Amino acid sequence: MSVLLADFNGIRNRLLKMTTSGQNLDSQVDALKAAGCSKIFSDKVSGLKEDRPGWNQAMEYLREGDTLVITELSRMSRSLAHLLKVVQELEGKGVKIESLRENINTTTATGRAFLSIMGAINQMERELRAERTAAGREAARARGRSGGRPKIDQKKIKQAQSLFAAGYTVAEACKVVGIGKRTFFRHKDNAEGPDSLEG
């Protein structure tokens, strides 16, 4: 990710571009420089990562009345829901957003309408997911299954405990019988807890 900053007619405008490590930045940088960008912040990670120092610095730098210009919306966020959250946060700070590729500008009625449509699509996706989840539960119930985790085979727990008592580490014992370490500790008789056992 790179964030390019510039001043236009005395108004600070922040121009931002995000990219994953290894991508050629030249064409994206050129597009933003053509829009008047002069300063660059960059991260060597994609928009999918949480820890993005360059992005965080740009967000701290933005002030009311600024415009954040990006080469394309997909560079700014990891999902539609996250994009809408970022847009809402920026608009809450009084920061406008412009995307060069999609030709979206939140200072225009068309740009605001586009973001409203994206918000409606995101809401629809959430509702469809909820409907599919409910339908899946109903189908499972009809087949005689209830929700939640499947019941643990006590035989496996005892096997893992025996292996542990025989000198295996918790991790080794759990791997051999096919259970998780948390399951082992949840069912471990007289164990002081995970920190007391090697694993």
C-alpha atoms as a PDB file:
ATOM      1  CA  MET A   1       0.000   0.000   0.000  1.00  0.00           C
ATOM      2  CA  SER A   2       1.219   3.507  -0.744  1.00  0.00           C
ATOM      3  CA  VAL A   3      -0.363   6.708   0.388  1.00  0.00           C
ATOM      4  CA  LEU A   4       0.460   9.770  -1.673  1.00  0.00           C
ATOM      5  CA  LEU A   5      -0.210  13.209  -0.293  1.00  0.00           C
ATOM      6  CA  ALA A   6      -0.550  16.523  -2.065  1.00  0.00           C
ATOM      7  CA  ASP A   7      -1.868  20.066  -1.618  1.00  0.00           C
ATOM      8  CA  PHE A   8      -4.351  21.493  -4.115  1.00  0.00           C
ATOM      9  CA  ASN A   9      -5.122  25.215  -3.908  1.00  0.00           C
ATOM     10  CA  GLY A  10      -4.189  25.334  -0.247  1.00  0.00           C
ATOM     11  CA  ILE A  11      -6.512  22.456   0.706  1.00  0.00           C
ATOM     12  CA  ARG A  12      -4.744  19.366   1.936  1.00  0.00           C
ATOM     13  CA  ASN A  13      -5.707  16.340  -0.119  1.00  0.00           C
ATOM     14  CA  ARG A  14      -4.565  12.862   0.764  1.00  0.00           C
ATOM     15  CA  LEU A  15      -4.155  10.495  -2.132  1.00  0.00           C
ATOM     16  CA  LEU A  16      -3.927   6.861  -1.259  1.00  0.00           C
ATOM     17  CA  LYS A  17      -3.026   3.737  -3.196  1.00  0.00           C
ATOM     18  CA  MET A  18      -2.723   0.234  -1.804  1.00  0.00           C
ATOM     19  CA  THR A  19      -0.951  -2.746  -3.304  1.00  0.00           C
ATOM     20  CA  THR A  20       0.427  -6.072  -2.206  1.00  0.00           C
ATOM     21  CA  SER A  21       4.143  -6.656  -1.957  1.00  0.00           C
ATOM     22  CA  GLY A  22       5.752  -7.573  -5.247  1.00  0.00           C
ATOM     23  CA  GLN A  23       3.274  -5.786  -7.472  1.00  0.00           C
ATOM     24  CA  ASN A  24       4.597  -3.157  -9.839  1.00  0.00           C
ATOM     25  CA  LEU A  25       3.722   0.193  -8.293  1.00  0.00           C
ATOM     26  CA  ASP A  26       4.851   2.359 -11.194  1.00  0.00           C
ATOM     27  CA  SER A  27       1.553   2.660 -13.060  1.00  0.00           C
ATOM     28  CA  GLN A  28      -0.394   3.258  -9.851  1.00  0.00           C
ATOM     29  CA  VAL A  29       2.110   5.814  -8.600  1.00  0.00           C
ATOM     30  CA  ASP A  30       2.049   7.532 -12.009  1.00  0.00           C
ATOM     31  CA  ALA A  31      -1.751   7.779 -11.909  1.00  0.00           C
ATOM     32  CA  LEU A  32      -1.677   9.376  -8.481  1.00  0.00           C
ATOM     33  CA  LYS A  33       1.210  11.694  -9.349  1.00  0.00           C
ATOM     34  CA  ALA A  34      -0.810  12.815 -12.370  1.00  0.00           C
ATOM     35  CA  ALA A  35      -3.465  13.809  -9.843  1.00  0.00           C
ATOM     36  CA  GLY A  36      -0.854  15.943  -8.031  1.00  0.00           C
ATOM     37  CA  CYS A  37       0.572  13.604  -5.401  1.00  0.00           C
ATOM     38  CA  SER A  38       3.937  14.380  -3.858  1.00  0.00           C
ATOM     39  CA  LYS A  39       4.511  12.308  -0.688  1.00  0.00           C
ATOM     40  CA  ILE A  40       4.317   8.515  -0.373  1.00  0.00           C
ATOM     41  CA  PHE A  41       3.652   6.213   2.598  1.00  0.00           C
ATOM     42  CA  SER A  42       3.820   2.492   1.908  1.00  0.00           C
ATOM     43  CA  ASP A  43       3.204  -0.886   3.483  1.00  0.00           C
ATOM     44  CA  LYS A  44       4.625  -4.173   2.245  1.00  0.00           C
ATOM     45  CA  VAL A  45       1.364  -5.996   2.974  1.00  0.00           C
ATOM     46  CA  SER A  46      -2.032  -6.260   1.336  1.00  0.00           C
ATOM     47  CA  GLY A  47      -5.330  -4.737   2.390  1.00  0.00           C
ATOM     48  CA  LEU A  48      -6.092  -8.108   3.966  1.00  0.00           C
ATOM     49  CA  LYS A  49      -3.625  -7.547   6.797  1.00  0.00           C
ATOM     50  CA  GLU A  50      -4.629  -5.825  10.028  1.00  0.00           C
ATOM     51  CA  ASP A  51      -1.215  -4.325  10.825  1.00  0.00           C
ATOM     52  CA  ARG A  52      -0.568  -1.640   8.191  1.00  0.00           C
ATOM     53  CA  PRO A  53       1.662   1.145   9.576  1.00  0.00           C
ATOM     54  CA  GLY A  54       1.545   3.237   6.370  1.00  0.00           C
ATOM     55  CA  TRP A  55      -2.229   3.095   6.257  1.00  0.00           C
ATOM     56  CA  ASN A  56      -2.427   3.953   9.966  1.00  0.00           C
ATOM     57  CA  GLN A  57      -0.132   6.977   9.482  1.00  0.00           C
ATOM     58  CA  ALA A  58      -2.278   8.189   6.600  1.00  0.00           C
ATOM     59  CA  MET A  59      -5.444   7.820   8.675  1.00  0.00           C
ATOM     60  CA  GLU A  60      -3.875   9.866  11.472  1.00  0.00           C
ATOM     61  CA  TYR A  61      -2.755  12.503   8.960  1.00  0.00           C
ATOM     62  CA  LEU A  62      -6.191  13.035   7.403  1.00  0.00           C
ATOM     63  CA  ARG A  63      -8.172  16.044   8.600  1.00  0.00           C
ATOM     64  CA  GLU A  64     -11.645  17.395   8.008  1.00  0.00           C
ATOM     65  CA  GLY A  65     -11.948  18.738   4.469  1.00  0.00           C
ATOM     66  CA  ASP A  66      -9.279  16.377   3.079  1.00  0.00           C
ATOM     67  CA  THR A  67      -9.928  14.112   0.118  1.00  0.00           C
ATOM     68  CA  LEU A  68      -8.564  10.583   0.111  1.00  0.00           C
ATOM     69  CA  VAL A  69      -7.972   9.498  -3.485  1.00  0.00           C
ATOM     70  CA  ILE A  70      -7.332   5.838  -4.236  1.00  0.00           C
ATOM     71  CA  THR A  71      -6.509   4.109  -7.499  1.00  0.00           C
ATOM     72  CA  GLU A  72      -9.283   1.558  -6.908  1.00  0.00           C
ATOM     73  CA  LEU A  73     -11.627   0.615  -4.070  1.00  0.00           C
ATOM     74  CA  SER A  74     -10.288  -2.934  -3.745  1.00  0.00           C
ATOM     75  CA  ARG A  75      -6.909  -1.532  -2.628  1.00  0.00           C
ATOM     76  CA  MET A  76      -8.467   0.120   0.397  1.00  0.00           C
ATOM     77  CA  SER A  77     -10.144  -2.798   2.107  1.00  0.00           C
ATOM     78  CA  ARG A  78     -10.371  -6.560   2.530  1.00  0.00           C
ATOM     79  CA  SER A  79     -14.166  -6.882   2.110  1.00  0.00           C
ATOM     80  CA  LEU A  80     -17.265  -4.906   1.226  1.00  0.00           C
ATOM     81  CA  ALA A  81     -18.282  -4.740   4.889  1.00  0.00           C
ATOM     82  CA  HIS A  82     -14.815  -3.464   5.868  1.00  0.00           C
ATOM     83  CA  LEU A  83     -14.791  -0.967   2.989  1.00  0.00           C
ATOM     84  CA  LEU A  84     -18.127   0.480   4.107  1.00  0.00           C
ATOM     85  CA  LYS A  85     -16.836   0.717   7.688  1.00  0.00           C
ATOM     86  CA  VAL A  86     -13.710   2.585   6.515  1.00  0.00           C
ATOM     87  CA  VAL A  87     -15.812   4.918   4.350  1.00  0.00           C
ATOM     88  CA  GLN A  88     -18.142   5.619   7.283  1.00  0.00           C
ATOM     89  CA  GLU A  89     -15.193   6.360   9.595  1.00  0.00           C
ATOM     90  CA  LEU A  90     -13.609   8.713   7.052  1.00  0.00           C
ATOM     91  CA  GLU A  91     -16.869  10.508   6.363  1.00  0.00           C
ATOM     92  CA  GLY A  92     -17.325  10.844  10.133  1.00  0.00           C
ATOM     93  CA  LYS A  93     -14.004  12.731  10.167  1.00  0.00           C
ATOM     94  CA  GLY A  94     -15.201  14.943   7.300  1.00  0.00           C
ATOM     95  CA  VAL A  95     -12.864  13.262   4.788  1.00  0.00           C
ATOM     96  CA  LYS A  96     -14.071  12.808   1.218  1.00  0.00           C
ATOM     97  CA  ILE A  97     -13.135   9.768  -0.886  1.00  0.00           C
ATOM     98  CA  GLU A  98     -12.382   9.505  -4.580  1.00  0.00           C
ATOM     99  CA  SER A  99     -11.553   6.339  -6.521  1.00  0.00           C
ATOM    100  CA  LEU A 100      -9.849   6.858  -9.879  1.00  0.00           C
ATOM    101  CA  ARG A 101     -10.653   3.492 -11.455  1.00  0.00           C
ATOM    102  CA  GLU A 102     -14.339   3.386 -10.509  1.00  0.00           C
ATOM    103  CA  ASN A 103     -14.723   7.150 -11.003  1.00  0.00           C
ATOM    104  CA  ILE A 104     -16.430   7.486  -7.624  1.00  0.00           C
ATOM    105  CA  ASN A 105     -16.351  10.697  -5.631  1.00  0.00           C
ATOM    106  CA  THR A 106     -18.277  11.022  -2.365  1.00  0.00           C
ATOM    107  CA  THR A 107     -18.595  14.765  -2.906  1.00  0.00           C
ATOM    108  CA  THR A 108     -21.066  14.065  -5.742  1.00  0.00           C
ATOM    109  CA  ALA A 109     -24.629  12.746  -5.581  1.00  0.00           C
ATOM    110  CA  THR A 110     -23.643   9.876  -7.883  1.00  0.00           C
ATOM    111  CA  GLY A 111     -20.741   8.848  -5.643  1.00  0.00           C
ATOM    112  CA  ARG A 112     -22.916   8.936  -2.523  1.00  0.00           C
ATOM    113  CA  ALA A 113     -25.621   6.929  -4.314  1.00  0.00           C
ATOM    114  CA  PHE A 114     -23.045   4.326  -5.367  1.00  0.00           C
ATOM    115  CA  LEU A 115     -21.910   3.893  -1.764  1.00  0.00           C
ATOM    116  CA  SER A 116     -25.547   3.604  -0.645  1.00  0.00           C
ATOM    117  CA  ILE A 117     -26.076   0.827  -3.197  1.00  0.00           C
ATOM    118  CA  MET A 118     -22.928  -0.923  -1.922  1.00  0.00           C
ATOM    119  CA  GLY A 119     -24.314  -0.636   1.618  1.00  0.00           C
ATOM    120  CA  ALA A 120     -27.615  -2.188   0.514  1.00  0.00           C
ATOM    121  CA  ILE A 121     -25.758  -5.046  -1.206  1.00  0.00           C
ATOM    122  CA  ASN A 122     -23.719  -5.648   1.947  1.00  0.00           C
ATOM    123  CA  GLN A 123     -26.902  -5.745   4.048  1.00  0.00           C
ATOM    124  CA  MET A 124     -28.470  -8.180   1.575  1.00  0.00           C
ATOM    125  CA  GLU A 125     -25.379 -10.434   1.771  1.00  0.00           C
ATOM    126  CA  ARG A 126     -25.629 -10.489   5.586  1.00  0.00           C
ATOM    127  CA  GLU A 127     -29.320 -11.380   5.443  1.00  0.00           C
ATOM    128  CA  LEU A 128     -28.731 -14.118   2.846  1.00  0.00           C
ATOM    129  CA  ARG A 129     -25.974 -15.620   5.023  1.00  0.00           C
ATOM    130  CA  ALA A 130     -28.323 -15.600   8.020  1.00  0.00           C
ATOM    131  CA  GLU A 131     -31.063 -17.263   5.947  1.00  0.00           C
ATOM    132  CA  ARG A 132     -28.656 -19.954   4.681  1.00  0.00           C
ATOM    133  CA  THR A 133     -27.423 -20.613   8.223  1.00  0.00           C
ATOM    134  CA  ALA A 134     -30.991 -20.943   9.515  1.00  0.00           C
ATOM    135  CA  ALA A 135     -31.905 -23.262   6.616  1.00  0.00           C
ATOM    136  CA  GLY A 136     -28.821 -25.398   7.311  1.00  0.00           C
ATOM    137  CA  ARG A 137     -29.737 -25.711  10.990  1.00  0.00           C
ATOM    138  CA  GLU A 138     -33.305 -26.641  10.089  1.00  0.00           C
ATOM    139  CA  ALA A 139     -32.092 -29.303   7.636  1.00  0.00           C
ATOM    140  CA  ALA A 140     -29.693 -30.709  10.260  1.00  0.00           C
ATOM    141  CA  ARG A 141     -32.496 -30.793  12.826  1.00  0.00           C
ATOM    142  CA  ALA A 142     -34.700 -32.661  10.346  1.00  0.00           C
ATOM    143  CA  ARG A 143     -31.907 -35.254   9.973  1.00  0.00           C
ATOM    144  CA  GLY A 144     -31.716 -35.611  13.756  1.00  0.00           C
ATOM    145  CA  ARG A 145     -28.611 -33.499  14.363  1.00  0.00           C
ATOM    146  CA  SER A 146     -28.590 -30.635  16.823  1.00  0.00           C
ATOM    147  CA  GLY A 147     -26.258 -27.656  16.647  1.00  0.00           C
ATOM    148  CA  GLY A 148     -22.929 -27.287  18.365  1.00  0.00           C
ATOM    149  CA  ARG A 149     -19.770 -29.337  18.357  1.00  0.00           C
ATOM    150  CA  PRO A 150     -19.918 -33.086  17.834  1.00  0.00           C
ATOM    151  CA  LYS A 151     -19.543 -35.095  21.044  1.00  0.00           C
ATOM    152  CA  ILE A 152     -15.999 -36.107  21.918  1.00  0.00           C
ATOM    153  CA  ASP A 153     -15.211 -39.805  21.912  1.00  0.00           C
ATOM    154  CA  GLN A 154     -14.206 -40.538  25.522  1.00  0.00           C
ATOM    155  CA  LYS A 155     -12.109 -43.432  24.254  1.00  0.00           C
ATOM    156  CA  LYS A 156      -9.884 -40.953  22.377  1.00  0.00           C
ATOM    157  CA  ILE A 157      -9.515 -38.811  25.503  1.00  0.00           C
ATOM    158  CA  LYS A 158      -8.407 -41.855  27.514  1.00  0.00           C
ATOM    159  CA  GLN A 159      -5.974 -42.897  24.746  1.00  0.00           C
ATOM    160  CA  ALA A 160      -4.422 -39.413  24.704  1.00  0.00           C
ATOM    161  CA  GLN A 161      -4.128 -39.437  28.517  1.00  0.00           C
ATOM    162  CA  SER A 162      -2.449 -42.852  28.395  1.00  0.00           C
ATOM    163  CA  LEU A 163       0.024 -41.684  25.748  1.00  0.00           C
ATOM    164  CA  PHE A 164       0.779 -38.575  27.803  1.00  0.00           C
ATOM    165  CA  ALA A 165       1.351 -40.710  30.910  1.00  0.00           C
ATOM    166  CA  ALA A 166       3.684 -42.898  28.820  1.00  0.00           C
ATOM    167  CA  GLY A 167       5.925 -39.933  28.000  1.00  0.00           C
ATOM    168  CA  TYR A 168       4.417 -38.373  24.888  1.00  0.00           C
ATOM    169  CA  THR A 169       4.028 -34.606  24.880  1.00  0.00           C
ATOM    170  CA  VAL A 170       0.463 -33.295  24.889  1.00  0.00           C
ATOM    171  CA  ALA A 171       0.863 -32.218  21.253  1.00  0.00           C
ATOM    172  CA  GLU A 172       2.125 -35.671  20.216  1.00  0.00           C
ATOM    173  CA  ALA A 173      -0.583 -37.539  22.129  1.00  0.00           C
ATOM    174  CA  CYS A 174      -3.321 -35.345  20.686  1.00  0.00           C
ATOM    175  CA  LYS A 175      -1.992 -35.726  17.153  1.00  0.00           C
ATOM    176  CA  VAL A 176      -1.842 -39.522  17.410  1.00  0.00           C
ATOM    177  CA  VAL A 177      -5.482 -39.869  18.529  1.00  0.00           C
ATOM    178  CA  GLY A 178      -6.849 -36.946  16.513  1.00  0.00           C
ATOM    179  CA  ILE A 179      -8.057 -34.488  19.144  1.00  0.00           C
ATOM    180  CA  GLY A 180      -7.132 -30.890  19.905  1.00  0.00           C
ATOM    181  CA  LYS A 181      -4.959 -29.818  22.827  1.00  0.00           C
ATOM    182  CA  ARG A 182      -7.809 -27.743  24.259  1.00  0.00           C
ATOM    183  CA  THR A 183      -9.999 -30.849  24.280  1.00  0.00           C
ATOM    184  CA  PHE A 184      -7.241 -32.767  26.068  1.00  0.00           C
ATOM    185  CA  PHE A 185      -6.924 -30.120  28.780  1.00  0.00           C
ATOM    186  CA  ARG A 186     -10.681 -29.749  29.131  1.00  0.00           C
ATOM    187  CA  HIS A 187     -10.932 -33.463  29.958  1.00  0.00           C
ATOM    188  CA  LYS A 188      -7.588 -33.942  31.739  1.00  0.00           C
ATOM    189  CA  ASP A 189      -8.122 -35.405  35.200  1.00  0.00           C
ATOM    190  CA  ASN A 190      -6.244 -33.575  37.968  1.00  0.00           C
ATOM    191  CA  ALA A 191      -4.309 -31.383  35.483  1.00  0.00           C
ATOM    192  CA  GLU A 192      -3.107 -28.057  36.761  1.00  0.00           C
ATOM    193  CA  GLY A 193      -3.658 -26.534  33.309  1.00  0.00           C
ATOM    194  CA  PRO A 194      -1.886 -26.075  29.992  1.00  0.00           C
ATOM    195  CA  ASP A 195       1.060 -24.187  31.483  1.00  0.00           C
ATOM    196  CA  SER A 196       2.019 -27.096  33.717  1.00  0.00           C
ATOM    197  CA  LEU A 197       2.376 -29.577  30.867  1.00  0.00           C
ATOM    198  CA  GLU A 198       4.816 -29.739  27.996  1.00  0.00           C
ATOM    199  CA  GLY A 199       3.081 -29.574  24.690  1.00  0.00           C
END
